[in-house]
Protein backbone atom coordinates (compact mmCIF):
# COMPACT_ATOMS: atom_id res chain seq x y z
CA MET A 1 -10.26 -19.26 0.17
CA LYS A 2 -10.92 -17.10 -2.91
CA LEU A 3 -9.64 -19.82 -5.30
CA LEU A 4 -12.29 -22.17 -4.05
CA ARG A 5 -15.41 -20.04 -4.88
CA LEU A 6 -17.31 -20.58 -8.16
CA PRO A 7 -15.96 -18.47 -11.03
CA GLY A 8 -17.77 -15.51 -12.27
CA ARG A 9 -18.91 -14.82 -15.92
CA PHE A 10 -15.62 -13.05 -16.78
CA GLU A 11 -13.67 -15.88 -15.14
CA TRP A 12 -15.60 -18.33 -17.08
CA LYS A 13 -14.77 -16.53 -20.47
CA ILE A 14 -10.94 -16.63 -19.58
CA LEU A 15 -11.26 -20.16 -18.42
CA ILE A 16 -13.03 -21.35 -21.65
CA ALA A 17 -10.50 -19.42 -23.74
CA LEU A 18 -7.50 -20.86 -21.93
CA PHE A 19 -9.10 -24.30 -22.23
CA VAL A 20 -9.72 -23.90 -25.95
CA VAL A 21 -6.23 -22.48 -26.42
CA ALA A 22 -4.66 -25.47 -24.38
CA SER A 23 -6.96 -28.28 -26.03
CA LEU A 24 -6.54 -27.30 -29.57
CA PRO A 25 -2.87 -27.84 -29.92
CA LEU A 26 -3.13 -30.85 -27.41
CA GLY A 27 -5.92 -32.48 -29.58
CA ALA A 28 -4.15 -31.85 -32.65
CA ALA A 29 -1.06 -33.35 -31.19
CA ALA A 30 -2.77 -36.46 -29.77
CA TYR A 31 -4.44 -36.92 -33.36
CA LEU A 32 -1.01 -36.65 -35.08
CA MET A 33 0.43 -39.05 -32.46
CA ASN A 34 -2.36 -41.49 -33.02
CA VAL A 35 -1.67 -41.23 -36.65
CA THR A 36 2.03 -41.42 -36.35
CA ILE A 37 1.85 -44.39 -34.23
CA ASP A 38 -0.58 -46.35 -36.64
CA ARG A 39 1.90 -45.37 -39.36
CA ILE A 40 5.05 -46.45 -37.30
CA GLU A 41 3.17 -49.70 -36.46
CA ALA A 42 2.44 -50.40 -40.00
CA ILE A 43 6.09 -49.47 -41.11
CA THR A 44 7.57 -51.40 -38.29
CA GLU A 45 5.40 -54.46 -39.19
CA GLN A 46 6.74 -54.25 -42.80
CA HIS A 47 10.17 -53.64 -41.63
CA GLN A 48 10.17 -56.35 -39.14
CA GLU A 49 8.65 -58.67 -41.69
CA SER A 50 11.51 -57.95 -44.01
CA ILE A 51 13.90 -58.34 -41.24
CA ARG A 52 12.55 -61.70 -40.16
CA GLN A 53 12.81 -63.02 -43.62
CA SER A 54 16.25 -61.73 -44.14
CA LEU A 55 17.53 -62.94 -40.80
CA GLY A 56 15.82 -66.29 -41.13
CA GLY A 57 17.33 -66.76 -44.59
CA ALA A 58 20.75 -65.72 -43.31
CA VAL A 59 20.47 -68.21 -40.42
CA ASP A 60 19.26 -71.03 -42.88
CA VAL A 61 22.44 -70.10 -45.18
CA TYR A 62 24.58 -70.44 -42.15
CA LYS A 63 22.89 -73.69 -40.92
CA ALA A 64 23.23 -75.28 -44.46
CA TYR A 65 26.97 -73.95 -44.54
CA PHE A 66 27.65 -75.78 -41.11
CA GLU A 67 25.93 -78.84 -42.35
CA GLN A 68 27.84 -78.83 -45.56
CA MET A 69 31.14 -78.26 -43.58
CA LYS A 70 30.19 -81.35 -41.34
CA ASP A 71 29.49 -83.47 -44.23
CA SER A 72 32.77 -82.43 -45.92
CA PHE A 73 34.73 -83.25 -42.87
CA ARG A 74 33.22 -86.57 -42.40
CA GLU A 75 34.04 -87.35 -46.15
CA ARG A 76 37.63 -86.17 -45.72
CA ALA A 77 38.00 -88.05 -42.69
CA SER A 78 36.96 -91.33 -44.53
CA GLU A 79 39.46 -90.51 -47.33
CA ILE A 80 42.29 -89.63 -44.76
CA GLY A 81 41.51 -92.78 -42.83
CA ALA A 82 41.60 -94.98 -46.09
CA SER A 83 45.16 -94.26 -46.60
CA PRO A 84 48.06 -95.78 -44.67
CA ILE A 85 48.94 -93.47 -41.77
CA GLU A 86 51.77 -94.20 -39.39
CA HIS A 87 52.11 -90.97 -37.48
CA ALA A 88 49.47 -88.19 -36.47
CA SER A 89 51.87 -85.58 -37.66
CA GLU A 90 51.73 -86.81 -41.24
CA LEU A 91 48.29 -84.86 -41.30
CA ALA A 92 49.92 -81.56 -40.56
CA ASP A 93 49.21 -80.24 -44.01
CA VAL A 94 45.64 -81.07 -44.16
CA PRO A 95 43.27 -78.03 -44.66
CA ASP A 96 41.24 -77.05 -41.69
CA LEU A 97 42.43 -79.76 -39.36
CA LEU A 98 43.04 -78.73 -35.92
CA ARG A 99 43.83 -82.03 -34.00
CA ALA A 100 44.71 -85.53 -35.08
CA ARG A 101 44.96 -88.40 -32.50
CA ILE A 102 45.81 -92.12 -33.20
CA LEU A 103 43.77 -94.23 -30.74
CA SER A 104 44.34 -97.80 -29.74
CA GLY A 105 41.40 -98.87 -27.60
CA THR A 106 40.96 -96.04 -25.18
CA ARG A 107 44.69 -95.42 -25.32
CA VAL A 108 46.11 -92.52 -27.17
CA VAL A 109 49.14 -93.67 -29.31
CA GLU A 110 49.89 -90.37 -30.92
CA GLU A 111 48.50 -86.92 -31.00
CA TRP A 112 49.18 -83.85 -33.26
CA SER A 113 47.81 -80.38 -32.80
CA ALA A 114 48.02 -77.27 -34.87
CA PRO A 115 49.69 -74.18 -33.38
CA ALA A 116 48.02 -72.19 -30.89
CA SER A 117 47.80 -69.00 -33.25
CA ILE A 118 45.53 -71.20 -35.63
CA LEU A 119 43.42 -72.74 -32.86
CA GLU A 120 42.57 -69.26 -31.38
CA GLN A 121 41.11 -68.22 -34.56
CA ALA A 122 39.09 -71.54 -35.32
CA ARG A 123 35.93 -72.96 -33.99
CA GLU A 124 36.05 -76.69 -33.45
CA ALA A 125 33.57 -78.91 -35.18
CA PRO A 126 32.52 -82.26 -33.57
CA PRO A 127 35.44 -84.84 -33.95
CA SER A 128 35.20 -87.55 -36.58
CA LEU A 129 36.47 -91.25 -35.96
CA VAL A 130 37.55 -93.44 -38.60
CA ALA A 131 39.14 -96.83 -38.54
CA LEU A 132 42.75 -97.01 -39.78
CA PRO A 133 43.82 -100.21 -42.04
CA ALA A 134 44.80 -103.14 -39.71
CA ARG A 135 48.41 -104.30 -39.30
CA PRO A 136 49.46 -107.89 -38.93
CA GLY A 137 50.06 -108.45 -35.24
CA SER A 138 48.83 -105.03 -34.12
CA GLU A 139 45.68 -103.85 -32.18
CA PRO A 140 43.01 -102.24 -34.23
CA ARG A 141 43.55 -98.31 -34.41
CA LEU A 142 41.31 -95.43 -34.58
CA LEU A 143 41.91 -91.89 -36.06
CA GLU A 144 40.15 -89.04 -34.55
CA LEU A 145 40.07 -85.91 -36.44
CA THR A 146 39.00 -82.63 -35.34
CA PHE A 147 38.32 -80.06 -37.95
CA GLY A 148 37.53 -76.33 -37.50
CA ILE A 149 35.76 -73.46 -39.14
CA PRO A 150 36.85 -69.74 -38.80
CA LYS A 151 35.63 -68.24 -35.54
CA GLU A 152 34.52 -65.14 -37.17
CA ILE A 153 32.13 -66.97 -39.33
CA TYR A 154 30.74 -68.61 -36.15
CA ALA A 155 30.56 -65.46 -34.31
CA ASN A 156 28.49 -64.03 -37.09
CA PHE A 157 26.16 -66.90 -37.01
CA LEU A 158 25.76 -66.26 -33.14
CA ALA A 159 25.24 -62.62 -33.57
CA LEU A 160 22.62 -63.21 -36.23
CA ARG A 161 20.73 -65.65 -34.25
CA GLU A 162 20.82 -63.27 -31.04
CA ALA A 163 19.63 -60.53 -33.51
CA MET A 164 16.61 -62.85 -34.68
CA GLU A 165 15.76 -63.53 -31.01
CA GLN A 166 15.66 -59.84 -30.28
CA GLU A 167 13.55 -59.13 -33.27
CA ARG A 168 11.20 -61.91 -32.11
CA GLU A 169 11.04 -60.38 -28.81
CA LEU A 170 10.49 -56.81 -30.37
CA ASP A 171 7.46 -58.32 -32.22
CA ARG A 172 6.01 -59.64 -28.98
CA LEU A 173 6.45 -56.08 -27.01
CA LEU A 174 5.49 -53.58 -29.74
CA PRO A 175 1.77 -54.69 -29.72
CA VAL A 176 1.87 -54.00 -25.92
CA VAL A 177 4.10 -50.90 -25.51
CA LEU A 178 2.59 -48.79 -28.39
CA PRO A 179 -0.91 -48.83 -26.80
CA ARG A 180 0.58 -48.04 -23.49
CA ILE A 181 2.58 -44.91 -25.03
CA PHE A 182 -0.86 -43.73 -26.50
CA ASN A 183 -2.63 -44.26 -23.30
CA GLY A 184 0.08 -42.51 -21.36
CA LEU A 185 -0.23 -39.56 -23.89
CA GLY A 186 -3.85 -39.34 -23.14
CA VAL A 187 -3.20 -39.22 -19.67
CA ALA A 188 -0.67 -36.44 -20.07
CA VAL A 189 -3.16 -34.51 -22.20
CA VAL A 190 -5.93 -34.77 -19.58
CA ALA A 191 -3.44 -33.64 -16.90
CA VAL A 192 -2.28 -30.72 -18.87
CA LEU A 193 -5.88 -29.59 -19.58
CA LEU A 194 -6.46 -29.78 -15.81
CA VAL A 195 -3.37 -27.91 -14.87
CA ALA A 196 -4.23 -25.30 -17.60
CA ALA A 197 -7.77 -24.84 -15.97
CA VAL A 198 -6.31 -24.59 -12.50
CA LEU A 199 -3.63 -22.07 -13.88
CA GLY A 200 -6.40 -20.38 -15.90
CA LEU A 201 -8.58 -19.96 -12.65
CA PHE A 202 -5.52 -18.70 -10.75
CA VAL A 203 -4.81 -16.14 -13.45
CA ALA A 204 -8.48 -15.13 -13.89
CA ARG A 205 -8.95 -14.68 -10.21
CA ARG A 206 -5.85 -12.22 -10.10
CA ALA A 207 -7.12 -10.31 -13.07
CA THR A 208 -10.70 -10.23 -11.87
CA GLY A 209 -9.53 -9.29 -8.41
CA ARG A 210 -7.74 -6.38 -9.78
CA VAL A 211 -10.82 -5.49 -11.90
CA ALA A 212 -12.82 -6.00 -9.01
CA THR A 213 -10.57 -3.50 -7.03
CA LEU A 214 -10.79 -0.97 -9.71
CA SER A 215 -14.69 -1.26 -9.95
CA ASP A 216 -15.04 -0.82 -6.14
CA ALA A 217 -12.75 2.07 -6.23
CA ALA A 218 -14.76 3.59 -9.21
CA ARG A 219 -17.98 3.22 -7.14
CA ARG A 220 -16.35 4.93 -4.16
CA VAL A 221 -15.35 7.77 -6.36
CA GLY A 222 -18.73 7.82 -7.80
CA GLU A 223 -20.05 8.15 -4.09
CA GLY A 224 -17.84 11.29 -3.54
CA ASP A 225 -14.65 9.52 -1.76
CA LEU A 226 -11.71 11.00 -3.63
CA THR A 227 -9.24 9.68 -1.16
CA VAL A 228 -9.56 6.10 -2.68
CA ARG A 229 -6.39 4.72 -4.30
CA VAL A 230 -5.74 1.51 -5.97
CA ALA A 231 -1.85 1.67 -5.65
CA PRO A 232 -0.79 -1.15 -8.21
CA ARG A 233 2.55 -2.73 -7.75
CA GLY A 234 2.95 -4.56 -11.00
CA SER A 235 3.86 -3.35 -14.60
CA ASP A 236 1.18 -4.94 -16.76
CA GLU A 237 -1.66 -3.16 -18.54
CA LEU A 238 -4.10 -3.56 -15.54
CA ASP A 239 -1.57 -2.10 -13.29
CA ASP A 240 -0.97 0.83 -15.98
CA LEU A 241 -4.85 1.24 -15.68
CA GLY A 242 -4.76 1.39 -11.94
CA ARG A 243 -1.95 3.91 -11.93
CA ALA A 244 -3.90 6.13 -14.56
CA PHE A 245 -7.05 5.75 -12.25
CA ASP A 246 -4.95 6.99 -9.25
CA ARG A 247 -3.73 10.06 -11.30
CA MET A 248 -7.27 10.76 -12.54
CA VAL A 249 -8.56 10.66 -8.93
CA ALA A 250 -5.79 12.65 -7.49
CA GLU A 251 -6.30 15.27 -10.33
CA LEU A 252 -10.22 15.24 -9.64
CA SER A 253 -9.52 15.49 -5.84
CA GLU A 254 -7.20 18.60 -6.66
CA ALA A 255 -9.63 20.01 -9.19
CA ARG A 256 -12.61 19.63 -6.70
CA SER A 257 -10.33 21.27 -3.89
CA ARG A 258 -9.53 24.11 -6.25
CA LEU A 259 -13.29 24.40 -7.16
CA GLY A 260 -14.37 24.30 -3.66
CA TYR A 261 -11.69 27.10 -2.89
CA LEU A 262 -12.76 29.17 -5.57
CA GLN A 263 -16.45 28.85 -4.69
CA LYS A 264 -15.54 29.81 -1.18
CA LEU A 265 -13.47 32.69 -2.35
CA SER A 266 -16.35 33.98 -4.52
CA ALA A 267 -18.60 33.93 -1.49
CA TRP A 268 -15.94 35.87 0.75
CA GLN A 269 -15.44 38.24 -2.43
CA GLU A 270 -19.33 39.04 -2.41
CA VAL A 271 -18.97 39.60 1.32
CA ALA A 272 -15.99 41.95 0.90
CA ARG A 273 -17.66 43.90 -1.81
CA ARG A 274 -20.78 44.35 0.37
CA LEU A 275 -18.56 45.38 3.48
CA ALA A 276 -16.66 47.92 1.39
CA HIS A 277 -19.74 49.26 -0.01
CA GLU A 278 -21.56 49.56 3.51
CA ILE A 279 -18.42 50.73 5.31
CA LYS A 280 -17.10 53.26 2.60
CA ASN A 281 -20.32 55.34 2.51
CA PRO A 282 -20.39 56.49 5.92
CA LEU A 283 -16.49 57.33 6.18
CA THR A 284 -16.51 60.60 4.51
CA PRO A 285 -19.55 62.15 6.64
CA ILE A 286 -17.82 60.79 9.74
CA GLN A 287 -14.52 62.50 8.78
CA LEU A 288 -16.10 65.80 7.77
CA ALA A 289 -18.37 65.70 10.74
CA VAL A 290 -15.16 65.39 13.16
CA GLN A 291 -13.50 68.24 11.07
CA GLU A 292 -16.40 70.49 11.34
CA LEU A 293 -16.58 69.72 15.12
CA GLY A 294 -13.20 70.91 15.71
CA SER A 295 -13.56 73.95 13.64
CA LYS A 296 -16.60 75.20 15.16
CA TYR A 297 -15.15 75.37 18.83
CA ARG A 298 -14.63 78.91 19.75
CA GLY A 299 -14.12 78.69 23.30
CA ASP A 300 -10.74 79.48 25.33
CA ASP A 301 -10.77 76.28 27.51
CA PRO A 302 -7.25 74.90 26.52
CA GLN A 303 -8.14 71.45 28.33
CA TYR A 304 -11.34 71.12 26.08
CA ARG A 305 -9.22 72.11 23.04
CA ARG A 306 -6.62 69.48 23.70
CA LEU A 307 -9.66 66.90 24.09
CA ILE A 308 -10.98 67.92 20.70
CA ASP A 309 -7.74 67.74 18.98
CA THR A 310 -6.78 64.37 20.39
CA ALA A 311 -10.27 62.95 19.61
CA GLN A 312 -9.99 64.63 16.16
CA GLU A 313 -6.39 62.91 15.56
CA ILE A 314 -7.54 59.56 16.85
CA LEU A 315 -10.81 59.62 14.55
CA ASN A 316 -8.88 60.69 11.65
CA GLU A 317 -6.25 57.86 12.02
CA GLU A 318 -8.91 55.22 12.57
CA VAL A 319 -10.87 56.50 9.74
CA GLY A 320 -7.75 56.18 7.63
CA VAL A 321 -7.19 52.53 8.95
CA ILE A 322 -11.02 51.68 7.95
CA ARG A 323 -10.41 53.39 4.64
CA ARG A 324 -7.35 51.10 3.99
CA LEU A 325 -9.30 48.08 4.97
CA VAL A 326 -12.08 49.10 2.57
CA ASP A 327 -9.56 49.55 -0.12
CA ASP A 328 -8.39 45.97 0.54
CA PHE A 329 -11.80 44.65 0.46
CA SER A 330 -12.41 46.55 -2.84
CA ALA A 331 -9.18 45.16 -4.23
CA PHE A 332 -10.20 41.64 -3.12
CA ALA A 333 -13.56 41.78 -4.40
CA LYS A 334 -12.85 43.22 -7.80
CA LEU A 335 -9.72 41.22 -9.12
CA PRO A 336 -9.29 41.54 -12.60
CA LYS A 337 -9.61 38.85 -15.16
CA VAL A 338 -6.45 37.04 -16.08
CA GLU A 339 -5.19 37.57 -19.66
CA PRO A 340 -2.14 35.20 -20.03
CA VAL A 341 0.35 35.69 -22.76
CA ALA A 342 3.75 33.89 -23.23
CA VAL A 343 6.37 35.62 -21.32
CA ASP A 344 9.72 34.97 -19.75
CA LEU A 345 9.03 34.53 -15.86
CA GLY A 346 12.75 35.12 -14.98
CA GLN A 347 12.47 38.65 -16.84
CA ILE A 348 9.29 39.37 -14.71
CA VAL A 349 11.22 38.50 -11.68
CA ASP A 350 14.14 40.78 -12.54
CA ASP A 351 11.83 43.61 -13.53
CA PHE A 352 9.72 43.29 -10.20
CA ALA A 353 13.26 43.46 -8.17
CA ARG A 354 14.18 46.59 -10.04
CA ALA A 355 10.93 48.18 -9.54
CA HIS A 356 10.83 48.02 -5.75
CA PRO A 357 13.86 49.59 -4.35
CA GLU A 358 12.42 49.63 -0.96
CA TRP A 359 13.23 45.88 -0.94
CA GLN A 360 16.31 45.50 -2.89
CA ALA A 361 18.52 45.34 0.18
CA ALA A 362 16.55 42.18 1.14
CA LEU A 363 15.82 40.47 -2.07
CA ARG A 364 18.06 38.27 -4.16
CA VAL A 365 17.05 36.77 -7.57
CA GLU A 366 17.89 33.36 -8.61
CA HIS A 367 17.00 31.84 -12.21
CA ASP A 368 18.85 29.90 -14.93
CA GLY A 369 18.08 31.46 -18.27
CA PRO A 370 14.68 32.06 -19.56
CA VAL A 371 11.54 30.35 -18.06
CA PRO A 372 8.80 30.58 -20.57
CA SER A 373 5.41 30.72 -19.04
CA MET A 374 1.73 31.76 -19.85
CA CYS A 375 0.79 34.40 -17.43
CA ASP A 376 -0.54 37.89 -17.07
CA LYS A 377 2.33 40.07 -16.33
CA MET A 378 0.54 42.69 -14.14
CA LEU A 379 -1.07 39.97 -11.82
CA ILE A 380 2.10 38.03 -11.47
CA ARG A 381 3.85 41.18 -10.25
CA ARG A 382 1.01 41.67 -7.80
CA VAL A 383 1.49 37.85 -6.80
CA LEU A 384 5.06 38.62 -6.02
CA ALA A 385 4.51 41.69 -4.23
CA ASN A 386 2.02 40.10 -1.81
CA LEU A 387 4.33 37.34 -1.23
CA VAL A 388 7.46 39.41 -0.87
CA GLU A 389 5.70 41.83 1.59
CA ASN A 390 4.38 38.79 3.73
CA ALA A 391 7.95 37.48 3.86
CA VAL A 392 9.46 40.90 4.87
CA HIS A 393 6.89 41.40 7.64
CA ALA A 394 7.32 37.89 8.80
CA ALA A 395 11.03 38.28 9.32
CA ALA A 396 10.41 41.69 10.81
CA GLU A 397 8.09 40.44 13.46
CA ALA A 398 10.60 37.78 14.26
CA SER A 399 12.94 40.67 15.04
CA ARG A 400 15.17 39.43 12.16
CA GLN A 401 16.78 41.50 9.29
CA PRO A 402 14.69 40.28 6.21
CA GLN A 403 16.18 38.06 3.61
CA VAL A 404 14.08 37.10 0.66
CA ASN A 405 15.08 34.83 -2.29
CA ILE A 406 12.96 34.68 -5.58
CA GLY A 407 13.66 31.76 -7.73
CA ALA A 408 12.26 30.98 -11.16
CA ARG A 409 12.82 27.60 -12.93
CA THR A 410 11.17 24.99 -14.98
CA ARG A 411 10.13 21.77 -13.33
CA ASN A 412 8.32 18.71 -14.49
CA GLY A 413 6.91 20.67 -17.42
CA ALA A 414 5.71 23.57 -15.45
CA ALA A 415 7.21 27.05 -14.60
CA VAL A 416 7.90 27.48 -10.98
CA LEU A 417 8.24 30.26 -8.71
CA THR A 418 9.79 30.01 -5.29
CA VAL A 419 9.83 32.62 -2.48
CA ASP A 420 12.03 31.86 0.60
CA ASP A 421 12.37 34.00 3.80
CA ASN A 422 14.00 34.03 6.99
CA GLY A 423 10.93 34.42 9.16
CA PRO A 424 9.61 31.99 11.75
CA GLY A 425 7.91 29.64 9.14
CA VAL A 426 4.51 28.24 8.71
CA PRO A 427 2.97 25.92 11.28
CA ALA A 428 2.16 22.32 9.79
CA ASP A 429 -1.40 22.68 10.92
CA ALA A 430 -1.66 26.08 9.04
CA ARG A 431 -0.34 25.31 5.79
CA GLU A 432 -3.79 24.53 4.14
CA ARG A 433 -5.65 27.21 5.94
CA ILE A 434 -2.89 29.94 5.38
CA PHE A 435 -4.66 30.88 1.93
CA ASP A 436 -8.15 31.14 3.26
CA PRO A 437 -9.37 34.72 3.35
CA TYR A 438 -9.12 36.62 6.46
CA MET A 439 -6.70 34.07 7.96
CA THR A 440 -3.64 35.84 9.17
CA THR A 441 -0.93 35.40 11.69
CA LYS A 442 0.07 39.28 11.54
CA GLU A 443 -1.09 41.56 14.16
CA HIS A 444 -2.42 44.08 11.87
CA GLY A 445 -3.02 41.96 8.74
CA THR A 446 -6.38 41.67 6.93
CA GLY A 447 -5.63 37.81 5.86
CA LEU A 448 -6.29 38.81 2.23
CA GLY A 449 -2.91 38.96 0.79
CA LEU A 450 -2.31 35.18 0.19
CA ALA A 451 -5.97 34.75 -0.54
CA ILE A 452 -5.61 37.06 -3.54
CA VAL A 453 -2.22 35.32 -4.46
CA ARG A 454 -4.02 32.01 -4.61
CA LYS A 455 -7.00 33.32 -6.76
CA ILE A 456 -4.75 34.88 -9.06
CA VAL A 457 -2.55 31.73 -9.57
CA LEU A 458 -5.72 29.41 -9.75
CA ASP A 459 -7.04 31.63 -12.44
CA HIS A 460 -3.75 31.10 -14.36
CA GLY A 461 -4.35 27.18 -14.30
CA GLY A 462 -1.72 26.78 -11.58
CA ASP A 463 -1.48 26.73 -7.87
CA VAL A 464 0.35 27.87 -4.84
CA GLN A 465 1.49 25.83 -1.67
CA VAL A 466 3.63 25.95 1.34
CA ALA A 467 6.63 23.50 0.68
CA ARG A 468 7.11 20.77 3.12
CA GLU A 469 10.75 21.13 3.07
CA LYS A 470 12.21 23.96 5.12
CA SER A 471 13.54 27.01 3.20
CA PRO A 472 17.34 27.42 2.87
CA LEU A 473 17.12 30.78 4.72
CA GLY A 474 15.47 28.98 7.80
CA GLY A 475 11.89 30.18 7.16
CA ALA A 476 8.90 29.44 4.88
CA ARG A 477 9.11 28.46 1.12
CA LEU A 478 6.24 29.08 -0.82
CA GLU A 479 5.92 27.62 -4.29
CA VAL A 480 3.98 29.11 -7.19
CA THR A 481 3.30 26.64 -10.25
CA LEU A 482 2.28 28.20 -13.71
CA PRO A 483 1.69 26.70 -16.87
CA THR A 484 4.60 27.01 -19.55
CA ALA A 485 4.15 28.63 -22.75
CA PRO A 486 3.01 26.41 -25.66
CA SER A 487 6.25 27.12 -27.75
CA SER A 488 8.36 25.67 -24.99
């Protein structure tokens, strides 16, 4: 029922534009048709008058010719009747004569007829009767003569008379038909304008409907809903605008997600910095106090000595664990600033594999030629170290011989690093949370490795995610997307 509602202002503009566009050529066509019809009427009238005069003159000529022929036939019949005629066949040589009969009362005494070939090509004139000279002792005789004219001449006369009748009929019809044609044209113009208005309203409704959808989507985005999508299905400019809007909202959503992650990460970094500071300070006094406690005992109780040595060993080990935790907190809290340069990402991967002999048995590097990228070599090596270490630990905790594939390639205008492992994989519900600080699935992990990875990659202008497709090795696949070098 949307088509039945009153048009809006934008729809009125489209309708008026379509009406003007449709009415101008139609009005011009109607005006030209009117002028043309008037001109045709004038020309037709002149032409018909000329034809009427010509046809009338021709018909009169034929009539005069026929009358003259009739008079000529009567005169010739009188001349023939005045001469002594004994037999009808004596008249065979008379021009234009078709039949001759000698009558005595109502009885035909003798008859002559021209050959059939001549009769077929002639049109008979009315018979002429003349009295033959009387013979002594005989009944009075009459001579009946039938002359003829060429049939072609008479046929032309009939055709000319029929054409004249048709011309008269046309003279009667034109004053009636031409106005009807013009009235029909006017009705057609009005119908076309109505159809144009309906089609224009339909087109306007489709256009304004899509504009209204875009407007509503923009309003929802302004209210903070970045999940809205227009999802156009056509290929015109409005659909291109809708697709551009969807891309913009998707990029905005991704940017907001990254910003929120960085803000959360910044808060966790501040917490890590304070924790590292608060924990680090008492570690050294604790360790010194334990060492001094062990060295001050001078007794000879072996059981007590074992107790002191065991406590000292446990305390030193736990202090070491806490110190490593403090070091991780400090490293997380003080990530260096990214200084990207144009490098070959494939070369960085090769150098990384050579620099870590402890992992070479499990590592396999794959890349096709140079992969130009803008990145900080030192920080990308740290990204690779964290990802490979996680992959090795994941496989080891699943009691599998570690296998790790590192790939570097260019895809869709970006440099992509992939790290595949043969571990248990990442559960679907943990794919987003796995990069949160202190989120870990390892028994002794701090949960900072992947958070550091994502912080470094985001600072490069890229991102890292767990791929939805399964790794060829059967475990997880992590993809790092980095910007390509400008020269590429």
